[in-house]
């Protein structure tokens, strides 16, 4: 059932396997596990820049740099709240 914690449990098992240096083959059709690689420890605009699409920035009426800065601020304020 949705929201029952399957992904959270899978993440815990994966983290523990990696800590124990157990090789793991991860089949992830929804992409939940690969999103764990998206880390932005400093929440700097330059951290987000590689993930900002030029066309998306144009649709938003800004440059890639401006959209990266807005995204960094959005994440920062979201995490702080």
PDB file of N, CA and C in Angstrom:
ATOM      1  N   UNK A   1       0.835  -1.158   0.000  1.00  0.00           N
ATOM      2  CA  UNK A   1       0.000   0.000   0.000  1.00  0.00           C
ATOM      3  C   UNK A   1       0.898   1.245   0.000  1.00  0.00           C
ATOM      4  N   UNK A   2       0.482   2.292  -0.687  1.00  0.00           N
ATOM      5  CA  UNK A   2       1.212   3.548  -0.724  1.00  0.00           C
ATOM      6  C   UNK A   2       1.333   4.134   0.679  1.00  0.00           C
ATOM      7  N   UNK A   3       2.557   4.603   0.997  1.00  0.00           N
ATOM      8  CA  UNK A   3       2.781   5.243   2.293  1.00  0.00           C
ATOM      9  C   UNK A   3       3.058   4.290   3.436  1.00  0.00           C
ATOM     10  N   UNK A   4       3.239   3.011   3.139  1.00  0.00           N
ATOM     11  CA  UNK A   4       3.450   2.051   4.220  1.00  0.00           C
ATOM     12  C   UNK A   4       4.918   1.935   4.637  1.00  0.00           C
ATOM     13  N   UNK A   5       5.823   2.602   3.902  1.00  0.00           N
ATOM     14  CA  UNK A   5       7.223   2.620   4.323  1.00  0.00           C
ATOM     15  C   UNK A   5       8.144   1.667   3.586  1.00  0.00           C
ATOM     16  N   UNK A   6       7.699   1.127   2.455  1.00  0.00           N
ATOM     17  CA  UNK A   6       8.535   0.182   1.711  1.00  0.00           C
ATOM     18  C   UNK A   6       9.834   0.824   1.235  1.00  0.00           C
ATOM     19  N   UNK A   7       9.743   2.012   0.682  1.00  0.00           N
ATOM     20  CA  UNK A   7      10.943   2.691   0.179  1.00  0.00           C
ATOM     21  C   UNK A   7      11.885   3.028   1.322  1.00  0.00           C
ATOM     22  N   UNK A   8      11.349   3.521   2.427  1.00  0.00           N
ATOM     23  CA  UNK A   8      12.180   3.832   3.590  1.00  0.00           C
ATOM     24  C   UNK A   8      12.911   2.605   4.105  1.00  0.00           C
ATOM     25  N   UNK A   9      12.221   1.494   4.162  1.00  0.00           N
ATOM     26  CA  UNK A   9      12.839   0.244   4.598  1.00  0.00           C
ATOM     27  C   UNK A   9      13.917  -0.184   3.611  1.00  0.00           C
ATOM     28  N   UNK A  10      13.626  -0.047   2.317  1.00  0.00           N
ATOM     29  CA  UNK A  10      14.616  -0.396   1.301  1.00  0.00           C
ATOM     30  C   UNK A  10      15.870   0.457   1.416  1.00  0.00           C
ATOM     31  N   UNK A  11      15.697   1.733   1.705  1.00  0.00           N
ATOM     32  CA  UNK A  11      16.839   2.636   1.870  1.00  0.00           C
ATOM     33  C   UNK A  11      17.688   2.203   3.064  1.00  0.00           C
ATOM     34  N   UNK A  12      17.034   1.849   4.147  1.00  0.00           N
ATOM     35  CA  UNK A  12      17.771   1.407   5.336  1.00  0.00           C
ATOM     36  C   UNK A  12      18.561   0.142   5.029  1.00  0.00           C
ATOM     37  N   UNK A  13      17.927  -0.827   4.374  1.00  0.00           N
ATOM     38  CA  UNK A  13      18.636  -2.063   4.007  1.00  0.00           C
ATOM     39  C   UNK A  13      19.813  -1.769   3.088  1.00  0.00           C
ATOM     40  N   UNK A  14      19.619  -0.893   2.125  1.00  0.00           N
ATOM     41  CA  UNK A  14      20.678  -0.540   1.191  1.00  0.00           C
ATOM     42  C   UNK A  14      21.832   0.149   1.914  1.00  0.00           C
ATOM     43  N   UNK A  15      21.534   1.100   2.777  1.00  0.00           N
ATOM     44  CA  UNK A  15      22.586   1.787   3.523  1.00  0.00           C
ATOM     45  C   UNK A  15      23.385   0.810   4.380  1.00  0.00           C
ATOM     46  N   UNK A  16      22.695  -0.092   5.044  1.00  0.00           N
ATOM     47  CA  UNK A  16      23.384  -1.059   5.903  1.00  0.00           C
ATOM     48  C   UNK A  16      24.240  -2.015   5.082  1.00  0.00           C
ATOM     49  N   UNK A  17      23.754  -2.437   3.929  1.00  0.00           N
ATOM     50  CA  UNK A  17      24.538  -3.317   3.058  1.00  0.00           C
ATOM     51  C   UNK A  17      25.795  -2.596   2.574  1.00  0.00           C
ATOM     52  N   UNK A  18      25.653  -1.336   2.195  1.00  0.00           N
ATOM     53  CA  UNK A  18      26.811  -0.576   1.719  1.00  0.00           C
ATOM     54  C   UNK A  18      27.825  -0.347   2.838  1.00  0.00           C
ATOM     55  N   UNK A  19      27.343  -0.081   4.050  1.00  0.00           N
ATOM     56  CA  UNK A  19      28.259   0.086   5.190  1.00  0.00           C
ATOM     57  C   UNK A  19      29.039  -1.192   5.463  1.00  0.00           C
ATOM     58  N   UNK A  20      28.388  -2.340   5.260  1.00  0.00           N
ATOM     59  CA  UNK A  20      29.025  -3.632   5.496  1.00  0.00           C
ATOM     60  C   UNK A  20      29.803  -4.109   4.272  1.00  0.00           C
ATOM     61  N   UNK A  21      29.868  -3.250   3.248  1.00  0.00           N
ATOM     62  CA  UNK A  21      30.569  -3.563   1.997  1.00  0.00           C
ATOM     63  C   UNK A  21      30.018  -4.804   1.308  1.00  0.00           C
ATOM     64  N   UNK A  22      28.714  -4.987   1.408  1.00  0.00           N
ATOM     65  CA  UNK A  22      28.031  -6.083   0.717  1.00  0.00           C
ATOM     66  C   UNK A  22      27.601  -5.556  -0.649  1.00  0.00           C
ATOM     67  N   UNK A  23      28.029  -6.212  -1.718  1.00  0.00           N
ATOM     68  CA  UNK A  23      27.621  -5.747  -3.048  1.00  0.00           C
ATOM     69  C   UNK A  23      26.099  -5.813  -3.189  1.00  0.00           C
ATOM     70  N   UNK A  24      25.543  -4.846  -3.909  1.00  0.00           N
ATOM     71  CA  UNK A  24      24.092  -4.803  -4.058  1.00  0.00           C
ATOM     72  C   UNK A  24      23.728  -4.517  -5.514  1.00  0.00           C
ATOM     73  N   UNK A  25      22.746  -5.221  -6.002  1.00  0.00           N
ATOM     74  CA  UNK A  25      22.160  -4.963  -7.309  1.00  0.00           C
ATOM     75  C   UNK A  25      20.783  -4.388  -7.038  1.00  0.00           C
ATOM     76  N   UNK A  26      20.571  -3.153  -7.456  1.00  0.00           N
ATOM     77  CA  UNK A  26      19.332  -2.456  -7.126  1.00  0.00           C
ATOM     78  C   UNK A  26      18.496  -2.298  -8.380  1.00  0.00           C
ATOM     79  N   UNK A  27      17.323  -2.896  -8.388  1.00  0.00           N
ATOM     80  CA  UNK A  27      16.363  -2.734  -9.473  1.00  0.00           C
ATOM     81  C   UNK A  27      15.316  -1.751  -8.975  1.00  0.00           C
ATOM     82  N   UNK A  28      15.235  -0.617  -9.637  1.00  0.00           N
ATOM     83  CA  UNK A  28      14.435   0.478  -9.114  1.00  0.00           C
ATOM     84  C   UNK A  28      13.602   1.109 -10.230  1.00  0.00           C
ATOM     85  N   UNK A  29      12.476   0.499 -10.589  1.00  0.00           N
ATOM     86  CA  UNK A  29      11.698   1.019 -11.713  1.00  0.00           C
ATOM     87  C   UNK A  29      11.120   2.417 -11.492  1.00  0.00           C
ATOM     88  N   UNK A  30      10.870   2.814 -10.264  1.00  0.00           N
ATOM     89  CA  UNK A  30      10.291   4.135  -9.999  1.00  0.00           C
ATOM     90  C   UNK A  30      11.339   5.229  -9.834  1.00  0.00           C
ATOM     91  N   UNK A  31      12.603   4.875  -9.613  1.00  0.00           N
ATOM     92  CA  UNK A  31      13.656   5.866  -9.473  1.00  0.00           C
ATOM     93  C   UNK A  31      13.828   6.415  -8.076  1.00  0.00           C
ATOM     94  N   UNK A  32      13.231   5.790  -7.085  1.00  0.00           N
ATOM     95  CA  UNK A  32      13.342   6.294  -5.710  1.00  0.00           C
ATOM     96  C   UNK A  32      14.774   6.214  -5.184  1.00  0.00           C
ATOM     97  N   UNK A  33      15.467   5.136  -5.491  1.00  0.00           N
ATOM     98  CA  UNK A  33      16.815   4.952  -4.950  1.00  0.00           C
ATOM     99  C   UNK A  33      17.823   5.866  -5.655  1.00  0.00           C
ATOM    100  N   UNK A  34      17.670   6.062  -6.956  1.00  0.00           N
ATOM    101  CA  UNK A  34      18.623   6.916  -7.669  1.00  0.00           C
ATOM    102  C   UNK A  34      18.517   8.360  -7.214  1.00  0.00           C
ATOM    103  N   UNK A  35      17.363   8.773  -6.738  1.00  0.00           N
ATOM    104  CA  UNK A  35      17.216  10.137  -6.228  1.00  0.00           C
ATOM    105  C   UNK A  35      18.076  10.372  -4.991  1.00  0.00           C
ATOM    106  N   UNK A  36      18.505   9.305  -4.328  1.00  0.00           N
ATOM    107  CA  UNK A  36      19.371   9.454  -3.159  1.00  0.00           C
ATOM    108  C   UNK A  36      20.726  10.022  -3.545  1.00  0.00           C
ATOM    109  N   UNK A  37      21.101   9.901  -4.819  1.00  0.00           N
ATOM    110  CA  UNK A  37      22.378  10.440  -5.282  1.00  0.00           C
ATOM    111  C   UNK A  37      22.336  11.951  -5.443  1.00  0.00           C
ATOM    112  N   UNK A  38      21.143  12.518  -5.452  1.00  0.00           N
ATOM    113  CA  UNK A  38      21.007  13.964  -5.596  1.00  0.00           C
ATOM    114  C   UNK A  38      21.229  14.615  -4.234  1.00  0.00           C
ATOM    115  N   UNK A  39      22.463  14.936  -3.947  1.00  0.00           N
ATOM    116  CA  UNK A  39      22.778  15.579  -2.682  1.00  0.00           C
ATOM    117  C   UNK A  39      23.346  16.961  -2.958  1.00  0.00           C
ATOM    118  N   UNK A  40      22.926  17.899  -2.175  1.00  0.00           N
ATOM    119  CA  UNK A  40      23.369  19.269  -2.294  1.00  0.00           C
ATOM    120  C   UNK A  40      23.762  19.745  -0.899  1.00  0.00           C
ATOM    121  N   UNK A  41      24.938  19.309  -0.413  1.00  0.00           N
ATOM    122  CA  UNK A  41      25.294  19.574   0.983  1.00  0.00           C
ATOM    123  C   UNK A  41      25.390  21.043   1.351  1.00  0.00           C
ATOM    124  N   UNK A  42      25.796  21.889   0.418  1.00  0.00           N
ATOM    125  CA  UNK A  42      25.963  23.304   0.729  1.00  0.00           C
ATOM    126  C   UNK A  42      24.780  24.148   0.269  1.00  0.00           C
ATOM    127  N   UNK A  43      23.880  23.547  -0.486  1.00  0.00           N
ATOM    128  CA  UNK A  43      22.713  24.245  -1.031  1.00  0.00           C
ATOM    129  C   UNK A  43      23.107  25.527  -1.767  1.00  0.00           C
ATOM    130  N   UNK A  44      24.213  25.462  -2.489  1.00  0.00           N
ATOM    131  CA  UNK A  44      24.678  26.586  -3.294  1.00  0.00           C
ATOM    132  C   UNK A  44      24.052  26.511  -4.681  1.00  0.00           C
ATOM    133  N   UNK A  45      23.789  27.650  -5.297  1.00  0.00           N
ATOM    134  CA  UNK A  45      23.232  27.648  -6.656  1.00  0.00           C
ATOM    135  C   UNK A  45      24.064  26.829  -7.649  1.00  0.00           C
ATOM    136  N   UNK A  46      25.385  26.854  -7.484  1.00  0.00           N
ATOM    137  CA  UNK A  46      26.238  26.086  -8.397  1.00  0.00           C
ATOM    138  C   UNK A  46      26.031  24.583  -8.245  1.00  0.00           C
ATOM    139  N   UNK A  47      25.563  24.133  -7.074  1.00  0.00           N
ATOM    140  CA  UNK A  47      25.249  22.714  -6.886  1.00  0.00           C
ATOM    141  C   UNK A  47      24.065  22.294  -7.750  1.00  0.00           C
ATOM    142  N   UNK A  48      23.121  23.198  -7.946  1.00  0.00           N
ATOM    143  CA  UNK A  48      21.901  22.899  -8.683  1.00  0.00           C
ATOM    144  C   UNK A  48      22.033  23.136 -10.185  1.00  0.00           C
ATOM    145  N   UNK A  49      23.005  23.948 -10.573  1.00  0.00           N
ATOM    146  CA  UNK A  49      23.133  24.375 -11.964  1.00  0.00           C
ATOM    147  C   UNK A  49      23.159  23.224 -12.976  1.00  0.00           C
ATOM    148  N   UNK A  50      23.877  22.117 -12.730  1.00  0.00           N
ATOM    149  CA  UNK A  50      23.872  21.038 -13.720  1.00  0.00           C
ATOM    150  C   UNK A  50      22.490  20.425 -13.965  1.00  0.00           C
ATOM    151  N   UNK A  51      21.572  20.615 -13.046  1.00  0.00           N
ATOM    152  CA  UNK A  51      20.252  20.013 -13.147  1.00  0.00           C
ATOM    153  C   UNK A  51      19.197  20.981 -13.691  1.00  0.00           C
ATOM    154  N   UNK A  52      19.592  22.212 -13.969  1.00  0.00           N
ATOM    155  CA  UNK A  52      18.663  23.224 -14.475  1.00  0.00           C
ATOM    156  C   UNK A  52      18.655  23.194 -15.995  1.00  0.00           C
ATOM    157  N   UNK A  53      17.495  22.993 -16.566  1.00  0.00           N
ATOM    158  CA  UNK A  53      17.321  22.933 -18.014  1.00  0.00           C
ATOM    159  C   UNK A  53      17.149  24.346 -18.575  1.00  0.00           C
ATOM    160  N   UNK A  54      17.868  24.639 -19.653  1.00  0.00           N
ATOM    161  CA  UNK A  54      17.803  25.958 -20.285  1.00  0.00           C
ATOM    162  C   UNK A  54      16.373  26.314 -20.693  1.00  0.00           C
ATOM    163  N   UNK A  55      15.650  25.342 -21.277  1.00  0.00           N
ATOM    164  CA  UNK A  55      14.271  25.601 -21.713  1.00  0.00           C
ATOM    165  C   UNK A  55      13.365  25.888 -20.515  1.00  0.00           C
ATOM    166  N   UNK A  56      13.578  25.195 -19.422  1.00  0.00           N
ATOM    167  CA  UNK A  56      12.784  25.439 -18.216  1.00  0.00           C
ATOM    168  C   UNK A  56      13.041  26.847 -17.678  1.00  0.00           C
ATOM    169  N   UNK A  57      14.301  27.258 -17.704  1.00  0.00           N
ATOM    170  CA  UNK A  57      14.644  28.604 -17.247  1.00  0.00           C
ATOM    171  C   UNK A  57      13.976  29.657 -18.120  1.00  0.00           C
ATOM    172  N   UNK A  58      13.979  29.449 -19.432  1.00  0.00           N
ATOM    173  CA  UNK A  58      13.335  30.404 -20.338  1.00  0.00           C
ATOM    174  C   UNK A  58      11.840  30.488 -20.072  1.00  0.00           C
ATOM    175  N   UNK A  59      11.202  29.334 -19.850  1.00  0.00           N
ATOM    176  CA  UNK A  59       9.764  29.327 -19.542  1.00  0.00           C
ATOM    177  C   UNK A  59       9.479  30.095 -18.259  1.00  0.00           C
ATOM    178  N   UNK A  60      10.417  30.052 -17.326  1.00  0.00           N
ATOM    179  CA  UNK A  60      10.252  30.760 -16.051  1.00  0.00           C
ATOM    180  C   UNK A  60      10.638  32.238 -16.178  1.00  0.00           C
ATOM    181  N   UNK A  61      11.128  32.627 -17.356  1.00  0.00           N
ATOM    182  CA  UNK A  61      11.507  34.019 -17.575  1.00  0.00           C
ATOM    183  C   UNK A  61      12.813  34.406 -16.903  1.00  0.00           C
ATOM    184  N   UNK A  62      13.733  33.447 -16.776  1.00  0.00           N
ATOM    185  CA  UNK A  62      15.008  33.733 -16.125  1.00  0.00           C
ATOM    186  C   UNK A  62      16.132  32.978 -16.813  1.00  0.00           C
ATOM    187  N   UNK A  63      17.339  33.212 -16.371  1.00  0.00           N
ATOM    188  CA  UNK A  63      18.497  32.482 -16.884  1.00  0.00           C
ATOM    189  C   UNK A  63      18.676  31.206 -16.055  1.00  0.00           C
ATOM    190  N   UNK A  64      19.565  30.334 -16.515  1.00  0.00           N
ATOM    191  CA  UNK A  64      19.864  29.117 -15.757  1.00  0.00           C
ATOM    192  C   UNK A  64      20.437  29.475 -14.385  1.00  0.00           C
ATOM    193  N   UNK A  65      21.320  30.480 -14.355  1.00  0.00           N
ATOM    194  CA  UNK A  65      21.927  30.893 -13.081  1.00  0.00           C
ATOM    195  C   UNK A  65      20.883  31.421 -12.107  1.00  0.00           C
ATOM    196  N   UNK A  66      19.955  32.223 -12.615  1.00  0.00           N
ATOM    197  CA  UNK A  66      18.902  32.768 -11.747  1.00  0.00           C
ATOM    198  C   UNK A  66      17.985  31.666 -11.230  1.00  0.00           C
ATOM    199  N   UNK A  67      17.630  30.724 -12.109  1.00  0.00           N
ATOM    200  CA  UNK A  67      16.762  29.623 -11.686  1.00  0.00           C
ATOM    201  C   UNK A  67      17.478  28.709 -10.696  1.00  0.00           C
ATOM    202  N   UNK A  68      18.783  28.515 -10.881  1.00  0.00           N
ATOM    203  CA  UNK A  68      19.562  27.718  -9.921  1.00  0.00           C
ATOM    204  C   UNK A  68      19.567  28.395  -8.555  1.00  0.00           C
ATOM    205  N   UNK A  69      19.717  29.723  -8.540  1.00  0.00           N
ATOM    206  CA  UNK A  69      19.700  30.461  -7.274  1.00  0.00           C
ATOM    207  C   UNK A  69      18.323  30.376  -6.616  1.00  0.00           C
ATOM    208  N   UNK A  70      17.273  30.479  -7.412  1.00  0.00           N
ATOM    209  CA  UNK A  70      15.909  30.372  -6.862  1.00  0.00           C
ATOM    210  C   UNK A  70      15.662  28.975  -6.300  1.00  0.00           C
ATOM    211  N   UNK A  71      16.141  27.964  -7.017  1.00  0.00           N
ATOM    212  CA  UNK A  71      15.959  26.578  -6.570  1.00  0.00           C
ATOM    213  C   UNK A  71      16.725  26.335  -5.277  1.00  0.00           C
ATOM    214  N   UNK A  72      17.952  26.838  -5.192  1.00  0.00           N
ATOM    215  CA  UNK A  72      18.745  26.679  -3.967  1.00  0.00           C
ATOM    216  C   UNK A  72      18.040  27.333  -2.782  1.00  0.00           C
ATOM    217  N   UNK A  73      17.494  28.523  -3.001  1.00  0.00           N
ATOM    218  CA  UNK A  73      16.778  29.218  -1.925  1.00  0.00           C
ATOM    219  C   UNK A  73      15.503  28.470  -1.528  1.00  0.00           C
ATOM    220  N   UNK A  74      14.806  27.932  -2.516  1.00  0.00           N
ATOM    221  CA  UNK A  74      13.602  27.156  -2.235  1.00  0.00           C
ATOM    222  C   UNK A  74      13.924  25.940  -1.365  1.00  0.00           C
ATOM    223  N   UNK A  75      14.978  25.225  -1.715  1.00  0.00           N
ATOM    224  CA  UNK A  75      15.385  24.056  -0.926  1.00  0.00           C
ATOM    225  C   UNK A  75      15.817  24.495   0.473  1.00  0.00           C
ATOM    226  N   UNK A  76      16.616  25.557   0.557  1.00  0.00           N
ATOM    227  CA  UNK A  76      17.119  26.016   1.850  1.00  0.00           C
ATOM    228  C   UNK A  76      15.952  26.393   2.772  1.00  0.00           C
ATOM    229  N   UNK A  77      15.028  27.193   2.260  1.00  0.00           N
ATOM    230  CA  UNK A  77      13.908  27.625   3.104  1.00  0.00           C
ATOM    231  C   UNK A  77      12.992  26.444   3.437  1.00  0.00           C
ATOM    232  N   UNK A  78      12.833  25.522   2.512  1.00  0.00           N
ATOM    233  CA  UNK A  78      12.019  24.338   2.795  1.00  0.00           C
ATOM    234  C   UNK A  78      12.616  23.474   3.878  1.00  0.00           C
ATOM    235  N   UNK A  79      13.918  23.271   3.822  1.00  0.00           N
ATOM    236  CA  UNK A  79      14.582  22.457   4.842  1.00  0.00           C
ATOM    237  C   UNK A  79      14.596  23.149   6.201  1.00  0.00           C
ATOM    238  N   UNK A  80      14.737  24.481   6.193  1.00  0.00           N
ATOM    239  CA  UNK A  80      14.743  25.214   7.459  1.00  0.00           C
ATOM    240  C   UNK A  80      13.377  25.187   8.145  1.00  0.00           C
ATOM    241  N   UNK A  81      12.317  25.182   7.332  1.00  0.00           N
ATOM    242  CA  UNK A  81      10.982  25.189   7.937  1.00  0.00           C
ATOM    243  C   UNK A  81      10.617  23.792   8.388  1.00  0.00           C
TER     244      UNK A  81
END
